[in-house]
Amino acid sequence: MNIAQEAVDAGELDLLEECCNGAFEWDADWDQWIPQRHIADWLLTLTGDSASSVAAALRRHPACAAHFTHLAGTFRIDHRIQAAIGVAAEGQHQNPAL
């Protein structure tokens, strides 16, 4: 997530999305709790265009977004990321096999 944060800091949204696509795909496949804690903490820091880009990446990786449903009700997370996580949570309720 270091490169993703550097992309946020530099306003490089294309690089940010590429970083997130790779990290979120990995997370969906491997489901590791320690990296998920780091990702969750990082998600809470995002705002503006960066939050919008990350929310779009989460929508493309619903299996990853589902790992962060515990953040959906927190007021500290950007509303776009909250909505993307919420969509993943709804998908889980519709398809228990996920």
PDB file of N, CA and C in Angstrom:
ATOM      1  N   MET A   1       0.815  -1.179   0.000  1.00  0.00           N
ATOM      2  CA  MET A   1       0.000   0.000   0.000  1.00  0.00           C
ATOM      3  C   MET A   1       0.869   1.257   0.000  1.00  0.00           C
ATOM      4  N   ASN A   2       2.172   1.087   0.163  1.00  0.00           N
ATOM      5  CA  ASN A   2       3.052   2.257   0.155  1.00  0.00           C
ATOM      6  C   ASN A   2       3.013   2.985  -1.178  1.00  0.00           C
ATOM      7  N   ILE A   3       3.060   2.231  -2.263  1.00  0.00           N
ATOM      8  CA  ILE A   3       3.021   2.863  -3.583  1.00  0.00           C
ATOM      9  C   ILE A   3       1.667   3.515  -3.799  1.00  0.00           C
ATOM     10  N   ALA A   4       0.610   2.866  -3.346  1.00  0.00           N
ATOM     11  CA  ALA A   4      -0.726   3.455  -3.464  1.00  0.00           C
ATOM     12  C   ALA A   4      -0.795   4.771  -2.709  1.00  0.00           C
ATOM     13  N   GLN A   5      -0.212   4.831  -1.521  1.00  0.00           N
ATOM     14  CA  GLN A   5      -0.222   6.087  -0.758  1.00  0.00           C
ATOM     15  C   GLN A   5       0.598   7.155  -1.459  1.00  0.00           C
ATOM     16  N   GLU A   6       1.717   6.762  -2.039  1.00  0.00           N
ATOM     17  CA  GLU A   6       2.524   7.726  -2.807  1.00  0.00           C
ATOM     18  C   GLU A   6       1.716   8.266  -3.986  1.00  0.00           C
ATOM     19  N   ALA A   7       0.941   7.397  -4.626  1.00  0.00           N
ATOM     20  CA  ALA A   7       0.083   7.828  -5.735  1.00  0.00           C
ATOM     21  C   ALA A   7      -0.982   8.806  -5.244  1.00  0.00           C
ATOM     22  N   VAL A   8      -1.547   8.553  -4.070  1.00  0.00           N
ATOM     23  CA  VAL A   8      -2.515   9.484  -3.478  1.00  0.00           C
ATOM     24  C   VAL A   8      -1.852  10.830  -3.254  1.00  0.00           C
ATOM     25  N   ASP A   9      -0.686  10.808  -2.623  1.00  0.00           N
ATOM     26  CA  ASP A   9       0.019  12.045  -2.294  1.00  0.00           C
ATOM     27  C   ASP A   9       0.371  12.853  -3.538  1.00  0.00           C
ATOM     28  N   ALA A  10       0.681  12.152  -4.637  1.00  0.00           N
ATOM     29  CA  ALA A  10       1.063  12.819  -5.882  1.00  0.00           C
ATOM     30  C   ALA A  10      -0.138  13.139  -6.769  1.00  0.00           C
ATOM     31  N   GLY A  11      -1.317  12.675  -6.380  1.00  0.00           N
ATOM     32  CA  GLY A  11      -2.506  12.902  -7.202  1.00  0.00           C
ATOM     33  C   GLY A  11      -2.512  12.088  -8.481  1.00  0.00           C
ATOM     34  N   GLU A  12      -1.796  10.970  -8.478  1.00  0.00           N
ATOM     35  CA  GLU A  12      -1.689  10.099  -9.645  1.00  0.00           C
ATOM     36  C   GLU A  12      -2.776   9.026  -9.570  1.00  0.00           C
ATOM     37  N   LEU A  13      -3.965   9.379 -10.008  1.00  0.00           N
ATOM     38  CA  LEU A  13      -5.113   8.486  -9.844  1.00  0.00           C
ATOM     39  C   LEU A  13      -5.009   7.221 -10.684  1.00  0.00           C
ATOM     40  N   ASP A  14      -4.415   7.297 -11.860  1.00  0.00           N
ATOM     41  CA  ASP A  14      -4.249   6.092 -12.681  1.00  0.00           C
ATOM     42  C   ASP A  14      -3.338   5.083 -11.976  1.00  0.00           C
ATOM     43  N   LEU A  15      -2.242   5.568 -11.430  1.00  0.00           N
ATOM     44  CA  LEU A  15      -1.329   4.701 -10.685  1.00  0.00           C
ATOM     45  C   LEU A  15      -2.018   4.152  -9.435  1.00  0.00           C
ATOM     46  N   LEU A  16      -2.789   4.989  -8.761  1.00  0.00           N
ATOM     47  CA  LEU A  16      -3.526   4.555  -7.581  1.00  0.00           C
ATOM     48  C   LEU A  16      -4.458   3.398  -7.925  1.00  0.00           C
ATOM     49  N   GLU A  17      -5.200   3.538  -9.006  1.00  0.00           N
ATOM     50  CA  GLU A  17      -6.129   2.473  -9.393  1.00  0.00           C
ATOM     51  C   GLU A  17      -5.387   1.189  -9.757  1.00  0.00           C
ATOM     52  N   GLU A  18      -4.262   1.307 -10.433  1.00  0.00           N
ATOM     53  CA  GLU A  18      -3.474   0.112 -10.769  1.00  0.00           C
ATOM     54  C   GLU A  18      -2.968  -0.580  -9.504  1.00  0.00           C
ATOM     55  N   CYS A  19      -2.487   0.205  -8.562  1.00  0.00           N
ATOM     56  CA  CYS A  19      -2.022  -0.369  -7.294  1.00  0.00           C
ATOM     57  C   CYS A  19      -3.164  -1.086  -6.579  1.00  0.00           C
ATOM     58  N   CYS A  20      -4.309  -0.431  -6.534  1.00  0.00           N
ATOM     59  CA  CYS A  20      -5.461  -1.018  -5.841  1.00  0.00           C
ATOM     60  C   CYS A  20      -5.954  -2.262  -6.555  1.00  0.00           C
ATOM     61  N   ASN A  21      -5.977  -2.237  -7.870  1.00  0.00           N
ATOM     62  CA  ASN A  21      -6.421  -3.425  -8.603  1.00  0.00           C
ATOM     63  C   ASN A  21      -5.552  -4.624  -8.238  1.00  0.00           C
ATOM     64  N   GLY A  22      -4.251  -4.437  -8.211  1.00  0.00           N
ATOM     65  CA  GLY A  22      -3.353  -5.535  -7.857  1.00  0.00           C
ATOM     66  C   GLY A  22      -3.523  -5.969  -6.411  1.00  0.00           C
ATOM     67  N   ALA A  23      -3.550  -5.018  -5.498  1.00  0.00           N
ATOM     68  CA  ALA A  23      -3.678  -5.347  -4.079  1.00  0.00           C
ATOM     69  C   ALA A  23      -5.025  -5.980  -3.773  1.00  0.00           C
ATOM     70  N   PHE A  24      -6.093  -5.461  -4.378  1.00  0.00           N
ATOM     71  CA  PHE A  24      -7.423  -5.980  -4.084  1.00  0.00           C
ATOM     72  C   PHE A  24      -7.632  -7.364  -4.689  1.00  0.00           C
ATOM     73  N   GLU A  25      -7.042  -7.599  -5.852  1.00  0.00           N
ATOM     74  CA  GLU A  25      -7.125  -8.939  -6.443  1.00  0.00           C
ATOM     75  C   GLU A  25      -6.376  -9.941  -5.560  1.00  0.00           C
ATOM     76  N   TRP A  26      -5.191  -9.541  -5.108  1.00  0.00           N
ATOM     77  CA  TRP A  26      -4.411 -10.397  -4.218  1.00  0.00           C
ATOM     78  C   TRP A  26      -5.194 -10.674  -2.941  1.00  0.00           C
ATOM     79  N   ASP A  27      -5.779  -9.619  -2.363  1.00  0.00           N
ATOM     80  CA  ASP A  27      -6.518  -9.784  -1.119  1.00  0.00           C
ATOM     81  C   ASP A  27      -7.703 -10.729  -1.294  1.00  0.00           C
ATOM     82  N   ALA A  28      -8.413 -10.597  -2.385  1.00  0.00           N
ATOM     83  CA  ALA A  28      -9.563 -11.473  -2.634  1.00  0.00           C
ATOM     84  C   ALA A  28      -9.131 -12.934  -2.719  1.00  0.00           C
ATOM     85  N   ASP A  29      -7.957 -13.167  -3.317  1.00  0.00           N
ATOM     86  CA  ASP A  29      -7.471 -14.538  -3.489  1.00  0.00           C
ATOM     87  C   ASP A  29      -6.862 -15.130  -2.214  1.00  0.00           C
ATOM     88  N   TRP A  30      -6.181 -14.310  -1.423  1.00  0.00           N
ATOM     89  CA  TRP A  30      -5.405 -14.844  -0.304  1.00  0.00           C
ATOM     90  C   TRP A  30      -6.021 -14.599   1.064  1.00  0.00           C
ATOM     91  N   ASP A  31      -6.869 -13.586   1.222  1.00  0.00           N
ATOM     92  CA  ASP A  31      -7.612 -13.341   2.463  1.00  0.00           C
ATOM     93  C   ASP A  31      -6.712 -13.381   3.697  1.00  0.00           C
ATOM     94  N   GLN A  32      -5.752 -12.479   3.751  1.00  0.00           N
ATOM     95  CA  GLN A  32      -4.808 -12.411   4.871  1.00  0.00           C
ATOM     96  C   GLN A  32      -5.202 -11.284   5.829  1.00  0.00           C
ATOM     97  N   TRP A  33      -5.376 -11.579   7.100  1.00  0.00           N
ATOM     98  CA  TRP A  33      -5.888 -10.611   8.067  1.00  0.00           C
ATOM     99  C   TRP A  33      -4.948  -9.444   8.336  1.00  0.00           C
ATOM    100  N   ILE A  34      -3.658  -9.688   8.436  1.00  0.00           N
ATOM    101  CA  ILE A  34      -2.733  -8.591   8.744  1.00  0.00           C
ATOM    102  C   ILE A  34      -2.731  -7.549   7.624  1.00  0.00           C
ATOM    103  N   PRO A  35      -2.564  -7.944   6.349  1.00  0.00           N
ATOM    104  CA  PRO A  35      -2.652  -6.934   5.292  1.00  0.00           C
ATOM    105  C   PRO A  35      -4.027  -6.261   5.252  1.00  0.00           C
ATOM    106  N   GLN A  36      -5.082  -7.001   5.555  1.00  0.00           N
ATOM    107  CA  GLN A  36      -6.415  -6.403   5.556  1.00  0.00           C
ATOM    108  C   GLN A  36      -6.530  -5.315   6.613  1.00  0.00           C
ATOM    109  N   ARG A  37      -5.891  -5.494   7.751  1.00  0.00           N
ATOM    110  CA  ARG A  37      -5.903  -4.441   8.777  1.00  0.00           C
ATOM    111  C   ARG A  37      -5.211  -3.195   8.251  1.00  0.00           C
ATOM    112  N   HIS A  38      -4.103  -3.373   7.529  1.00  0.00           N
ATOM    113  CA  HIS A  38      -3.384  -2.218   6.959  1.00  0.00           C
ATOM    114  C   HIS A  38      -4.247  -1.538   5.897  1.00  0.00           C
ATOM    115  N   ILE A  39      -4.880  -2.326   5.052  1.00  0.00           N
ATOM    116  CA  ILE A  39      -5.750  -1.762   4.019  1.00  0.00           C
ATOM    117  C   ILE A  39      -6.916  -1.027   4.660  1.00  0.00           C
ATOM    118  N   ALA A  40      -7.538  -1.617   5.673  1.00  0.00           N
ATOM    119  CA  ALA A  40      -8.679  -0.979   6.350  1.00  0.00           C
ATOM    120  C   ALA A  40      -8.261   0.357   6.956  1.00  0.00           C
ATOM    121  N   ASP A  41      -7.125   0.386   7.625  1.00  0.00           N
ATOM    122  CA  ASP A  41      -6.640   1.645   8.205  1.00  0.00           C
ATOM    123  C   ASP A  41      -6.410   2.685   7.115  1.00  0.00           C
ATOM    124  N   TRP A  42      -5.854   2.249   5.995  1.00  0.00           N
ATOM    125  CA  TRP A  42      -5.573   3.152   4.877  1.00  0.00           C
ATOM    126  C   TRP A  42      -6.867   3.665   4.259  1.00  0.00           C
ATOM    127  N   LEU A  43      -7.859   2.785   4.099  1.00  0.00           N
ATOM    128  CA  LEU A  43      -9.135   3.204   3.519  1.00  0.00           C
ATOM    129  C   LEU A  43      -9.750   4.344   4.318  1.00  0.00           C
ATOM    130  N   LEU A  44      -9.577   4.333   5.619  1.00  0.00           N
ATOM    131  CA  LEU A  44     -10.138   5.368   6.478  1.00  0.00           C
ATOM    132  C   LEU A  44      -9.505   6.737   6.259  1.00  0.00           C
ATOM    133  N   THR A  45      -8.335   6.777   5.621  1.00  0.00           N
ATOM    134  CA  THR A  45      -7.639   8.050   5.418  1.00  0.00           C
ATOM    135  C   THR A  45      -7.995   8.730   4.108  1.00  0.00           C
ATOM    136  N   LEU A  46      -8.670   8.026   3.210  1.00  0.00           N
ATOM    137  CA  LEU A  46      -8.878   8.540   1.853  1.00  0.00           C
ATOM    138  C   LEU A  46     -10.066   9.490   1.763  1.00  0.00           C
ATOM    139  N   THR A  47      -9.891  10.524   0.953  1.00  0.00           N
ATOM    140  CA  THR A  47     -10.951  11.492   0.685  1.00  0.00           C
ATOM    141  C   THR A  47     -10.859  11.935  -0.772  1.00  0.00           C
ATOM    142  N   GLY A  48     -11.858  12.659  -1.207  1.00  0.00           N
ATOM    143  CA  GLY A  48     -11.831  13.298  -2.520  1.00  0.00           C
ATOM    144  C   GLY A  48     -11.683  12.329  -3.675  1.00  0.00           C
ATOM    145  N   ASP A  49     -10.914  12.769  -4.675  1.00  0.00           N
ATOM    146  CA  ASP A  49     -10.723  11.971  -5.885  1.00  0.00           C
ATOM    147  C   ASP A  49     -10.072  10.624  -5.590  1.00  0.00           C
ATOM    148  N   SER A  50      -9.194  10.593  -4.607  1.00  0.00           N
ATOM    149  CA  SER A  50      -8.548   9.328  -4.244  1.00  0.00           C
ATOM    150  C   SER A  50      -9.580   8.333  -3.723  1.00  0.00           C
ATOM    151  N   ALA A  51     -10.482   8.797  -2.886  1.00  0.00           N
ATOM    152  CA  ALA A  51     -11.536   7.921  -2.373  1.00  0.00           C
ATOM    153  C   ALA A  51     -12.423   7.431  -3.503  1.00  0.00           C
ATOM    154  N   SER A  52     -12.700   8.298  -4.452  1.00  0.00           N
ATOM    155  CA  SER A  52     -13.523   7.913  -5.596  1.00  0.00           C
ATOM    156  C   SER A  52     -12.840   6.825  -6.422  1.00  0.00           C
ATOM    157  N   SER A  53     -11.552   6.982  -6.661  1.00  0.00           N
ATOM    158  CA  SER A  53     -10.805   5.986  -7.429  1.00  0.00           C
ATOM    159  C   SER A  53     -10.734   4.654  -6.704  1.00  0.00           C
ATOM    160  N   VAL A  54     -10.499   4.695  -5.413  1.00  0.00           N
ATOM    161  CA  VAL A  54     -10.407   3.459  -4.636  1.00  0.00           C
ATOM    162  C   VAL A  54     -11.777   2.790  -4.552  1.00  0.00           C
ATOM    163  N   ALA A  55     -12.830   3.583  -4.428  1.00  0.00           N
ATOM    164  CA  ALA A  55     -14.183   3.012  -4.414  1.00  0.00           C
ATOM    165  C   ALA A  55     -14.471   2.284  -5.722  1.00  0.00           C
ATOM    166  N   ALA A  56     -14.043   2.868  -6.838  1.00  0.00           N
ATOM    167  CA  ALA A  56     -14.236   2.210  -8.135  1.00  0.00           C
ATOM    168  C   ALA A  56     -13.476   0.886  -8.177  1.00  0.00           C
ATOM    169  N   ALA A  57     -12.264   0.871  -7.633  1.00  0.00           N
ATOM    170  CA  ALA A  57     -11.478  -0.366  -7.598  1.00  0.00           C
ATOM    171  C   ALA A  57     -12.151  -1.408  -6.703  1.00  0.00           C
ATOM    172  N   LEU A  58     -12.701  -0.978  -5.588  1.00  0.00           N
ATOM    173  CA  LEU A  58     -13.408  -1.915  -4.705  1.00  0.00           C
ATOM    174  C   LEU A  58     -14.628  -2.508  -5.399  1.00  0.00           C
ATOM    175  N   ARG A  59     -15.316  -1.706  -6.203  1.00  0.00           N
ATOM    176  CA  ARG A  59     -16.468  -2.226  -6.941  1.00  0.00           C
ATOM    177  C   ARG A  59     -16.038  -3.287  -7.958  1.00  0.00           C
ATOM    178  N   ARG A  60     -14.841  -3.136  -8.520  1.00  0.00           N
ATOM    179  CA  ARG A  60     -14.329  -4.122  -9.471  1.00  0.00           C
ATOM    180  C   ARG A  60     -13.865  -5.395  -8.772  1.00  0.00           C
ATOM    181  N   HIS A  61     -13.657  -5.315  -7.473  1.00  0.00           N
ATOM    182  CA  HIS A  61     -13.154  -6.456  -6.693  1.00  0.00           C
ATOM    183  C   HIS A  61     -14.065  -6.689  -5.486  1.00  0.00           C
ATOM    184  N   PRO A  62     -15.296  -7.111  -5.730  1.00  0.00           N
ATOM    185  CA  PRO A  62     -16.253  -7.260  -4.621  1.00  0.00           C
ATOM    186  C   PRO A  62     -15.827  -8.287  -3.572  1.00  0.00           C
ATOM    187  N   ALA A  63     -15.064  -9.304  -3.965  1.00  0.00           N
ATOM    188  CA  ALA A  63     -14.604 -10.285  -2.978  1.00  0.00           C
ATOM    189  C   ALA A  63     -13.639  -9.641  -1.993  1.00  0.00           C
ATOM    190  N   CYS A  64     -12.868  -8.688  -2.447  1.00  0.00           N
ATOM    191  CA  CYS A  64     -11.997  -7.924  -1.552  1.00  0.00           C
ATOM    192  C   CYS A  64     -12.828  -6.955  -0.718  1.00  0.00           C
ATOM    193  N   ALA A  65     -13.713  -6.212  -1.370  1.00  0.00           N
ATOM    194  CA  ALA A  65     -14.541  -5.233  -0.655  1.00  0.00           C
ATOM    195  C   ALA A  65     -15.316  -5.892   0.473  1.00  0.00           C
ATOM    196  N   ALA A  66     -15.715  -7.142   0.269  1.00  0.00           N
ATOM    197  CA  ALA A  66     -16.465  -7.870   1.295  1.00  0.00           C
ATOM    198  C   ALA A  66     -15.656  -8.044   2.579  1.00  0.00           C
ATOM    199  N   HIS A  67     -14.327  -8.007   2.476  1.00  0.00           N
ATOM    200  CA  HIS A  67     -13.490  -8.129   3.668  1.00  0.00           C
ATOM    201  C   HIS A  67     -13.545  -6.892   4.549  1.00  0.00           C
ATOM    202  N   PHE A  68     -14.132  -5.810   4.034  1.00  0.00           N
ATOM    203  CA  PHE A  68     -14.140  -4.549   4.768  1.00  0.00           C
ATOM    204  C   PHE A  68     -15.547  -4.093   5.143  1.00  0.00           C
ATOM    205  N   THR A  69     -16.482  -5.034   5.140  1.00  0.00           N
ATOM    206  CA  THR A  69     -17.863  -4.667   5.463  1.00  0.00           C
ATOM    207  C   THR A  69     -17.991  -4.125   6.886  1.00  0.00           C
ATOM    208  N   HIS A  70     -17.062  -4.470   7.749  1.00  0.00           N
ATOM    209  CA  HIS A  70     -17.094  -3.928   9.110  1.00  0.00           C
ATOM    210  C   HIS A  70     -16.895  -2.409   9.128  1.00  0.00           C
ATOM    211  N   LEU A  71     -16.392  -1.850   8.036  1.00  0.00           N
ATOM    212  CA  LEU A  71     -16.197  -0.398   7.951  1.00  0.00           C
ATOM    213  C   LEU A  71     -17.421   0.331   7.413  1.00  0.00           C
ATOM    214  N   ALA A  72     -18.377  -0.407   6.879  1.00  0.00           N
ATOM    215  CA  ALA A  72     -19.503   0.219   6.180  1.00  0.00           C
ATOM    216  C   ALA A  72     -20.304   1.160   7.067  1.00  0.00           C
ATOM    217  N   GLY A  73     -20.390   0.897   8.349  1.00  0.00           N
ATOM    218  CA  GLY A  73     -21.194   1.728   9.224  1.00  0.00           C
ATOM    219  C   GLY A  73     -20.432   2.831   9.939  1.00  0.00           C
ATOM    220  N   THR A  74     -19.152   2.948   9.700  1.00  0.00           N
ATOM    221  CA  THR A  74     -18.363   3.945  10.418  1.00  0.00           C
ATOM    222  C   THR A  74     -18.479   5.314   9.760  1.00  0.00           C
ATOM    223  N   PHE A  75     -18.543   6.329  10.562  1.00  0.00           N
ATOM    224  CA  PHE A  75     -18.635   7.690  10.043  1.00  0.00           C
ATOM    225  C   PHE A  75     -17.285   8.210   9.573  1.00  0.00           C
ATOM    226  N   ARG A  76     -16.209   7.511   9.880  1.00  0.00           N
ATOM    227  CA  ARG A  76     -14.865   7.988   9.537  1.00  0.00           C
ATOM    228  C   ARG A  76     -14.451   7.660   8.107  1.00  0.00           C
ATOM    229  N   ILE A  77     -15.264   6.916   7.381  1.00  0.00           N
ATOM    230  CA  ILE A  77     -14.877   6.504   6.031  1.00  0.00           C
ATOM    231  C   ILE A  77     -15.615   7.354   5.000  1.00  0.00           C
ATOM    232  N   ASP A  78     -14.950   7.660   3.915  1.00  0.00           N
ATOM    233  CA  ASP A  78     -15.551   8.448   2.843  1.00  0.00           C
ATOM    234  C   ASP A  78     -16.804   7.751   2.320  1.00  0.00           C
ATOM    235  N   HIS A  79     -17.811   8.531   2.009  1.00  0.00           N
ATOM    236  CA  HIS A  79     -19.101   7.965   1.601  1.00  0.00           C
ATOM    237  C   HIS A  79     -19.006   7.122   0.338  1.00  0.00           C
ATOM    238  N   ARG A  80     -18.063   7.416  -0.559  1.00  0.00           N
ATOM    239  CA  ARG A  80     -17.920   6.619  -1.784  1.00  0.00           C
ATOM    240  C   ARG A  80     -17.363   5.235  -1.486  1.00  0.00           C
ATOM    241  N   ILE A  81     -16.392   5.177  -0.598  1.00  0.00           N
ATOM    242  CA  ILE A  81     -15.843   3.887  -0.199  1.00  0.00           C
ATOM    243  C   ILE A  81     -16.889   3.117   0.603  1.00  0.00           C
ATOM    244  N   GLN A  82     -17.590   3.812   1.461  1.00  0.00           N
ATOM    245  CA  GLN A  82     -18.658   3.182   2.241  1.00  0.00           C
ATOM    246  C   GLN A  82     -19.702   2.556   1.322  1.00  0.00           C
ATOM    247  N   ALA A  83     -20.070   3.262   0.255  1.00  0.00           N
ATOM    248  CA  ALA A  83     -21.062   2.732  -0.687  1.00  0.00           C
ATOM    249  C   ALA A  83     -20.526   1.507  -1.418  1.00  0.00           C
ATOM    250  N   ALA A  84     -19.259   1.536  -1.831  1.00  0.00           N
ATOM    251  CA  ALA A  84     -18.672   0.388  -2.527  1.00  0.00           C
ATOM    252  C   ALA A  84     -18.623  -0.834  -1.620  1.00  0.00           C
ATOM    253  N   ILE A  85     -18.296  -0.629  -0.365  1.00  0.00           N
ATOM    254  CA  ILE A  85     -18.277  -1.728   0.593  1.00  0.00           C
ATOM    255  C   ILE A  85     -19.697  -2.222   0.834  1.00  0.00           C
ATOM    256  N   GLY A  86     -20.639  -1.300   0.892  1.00  0.00           N
ATOM    257  CA  GLY A  86     -22.041  -1.670   1.095  1.00  0.00           C
ATOM    258  C   GLY A  86     -22.579  -2.532  -0.023  1.00  0.00           C
ATOM    259  N   VAL A  87     -22.183  -2.242  -1.255  1.00  0.00           N
ATOM    260  CA  VAL A  87     -22.605  -3.056  -2.398  1.00  0.00           C
ATOM    261  C   VAL A  87     -22.080  -4.477  -2.239  1.00  0.00           C
ATOM    262  N   ALA A  88     -20.843  -4.608  -1.799  1.00  0.00           N
ATOM    263  CA  ALA A  88     -20.261  -5.940  -1.582  1.00  0.00           C
ATOM    264  C   ALA A  88     -21.015  -6.669  -0.479  1.00  0.00           C
ATOM    265  N   ALA A  89     -21.379  -5.957   0.575  1.00  0.00           N
ATOM    266  CA  ALA A  89     -22.119  -6.580   1.675  1.00  0.00           C
ATOM    267  C   ALA A  89     -23.484  -7.050   1.201  1.00  0.00           C
ATOM    268  N   GLU A  90     -24.152  -6.269   0.370  1.00  0.00           N
ATOM    269  CA  GLU A  90     -25.445  -6.677  -0.173  1.00  0.00           C
ATOM    270  C   GLU A  90     -25.296  -7.918  -1.035  1.00  0.00           C
ATOM    271  N   GLY A  91     -24.230  -7.984  -1.816  1.00  0.00           N
ATOM    272  CA  GLY A  91     -23.971  -9.150  -2.663  1.00  0.00           C
ATOM    273  C   GLY A  91     -23.764 -10.408  -1.838  1.00  0.00           C
ATOM    274  N   GLN A  92     -23.138 -10.270  -0.680  1.00  0.00           N
ATOM    275  CA  GLN A  92     -22.931 -11.416   0.198  1.00  0.00           C
ATOM    276  C   GLN A  92     -24.258 -11.946   0.708  1.00  0.00           C
ATOM    277  N   HIS A  93     -25.165 -11.035   1.045  1.00  0.00           N
ATOM    278  CA  HIS A  93     -26.460 -11.467   1.566  1.00  0.00           C
ATOM    279  C   HIS A  93     -27.287 -12.141   0.481  1.00  0.00           C
ATOM    280  N   GLN A  94     -27.101 -11.723  -0.776  1.00  0.00           N
ATOM    281  CA  GLN A  94     -27.852 -12.315  -1.871  1.00  0.00           C
ATOM    282  C   GLN A  94     -27.273 -13.650  -2.290  1.00  0.00           C
ATOM    283  N   ASN A  95     -25.956 -13.816  -2.148  1.00  0.00           N
ATOM    284  CA  ASN A  95     -25.295 -15.048  -2.570  1.00  0.00           C
ATOM    285  C   ASN A  95     -24.414 -15.543  -1.423  1.00  0.00           C
ATOM    286  N   PRO A  96     -24.917 -16.363  -0.537  1.00  0.00           N
ATOM    287  CA  PRO A  96     -24.145 -16.811   0.607  1.00  0.00           C
ATOM    288  C   PRO A  96     -22.893 -17.600   0.240  1.00  0.00           C
ATOM    289  N   ALA A  97     -22.755 -18.023  -0.989  1.00  0.00           N
ATOM    290  CA  ALA A  97     -21.565 -18.782  -1.406  1.00  0.00           C
ATOM    291  C   ALA A  97     -20.344 -17.890  -1.516  1.00  0.00           C
ATOM    292  N   LEU A  98     -20.484 -16.568  -1.519  1.00  0.00           N
ATOM    293  CA  LEU A  98     -19.332 -15.670  -1.645  1.00  0.00           C
ATOM    294  C   LEU A  98     -18.481 -15.639  -0.419  1.00  0.00           C
TER     295      LEU A  98
END
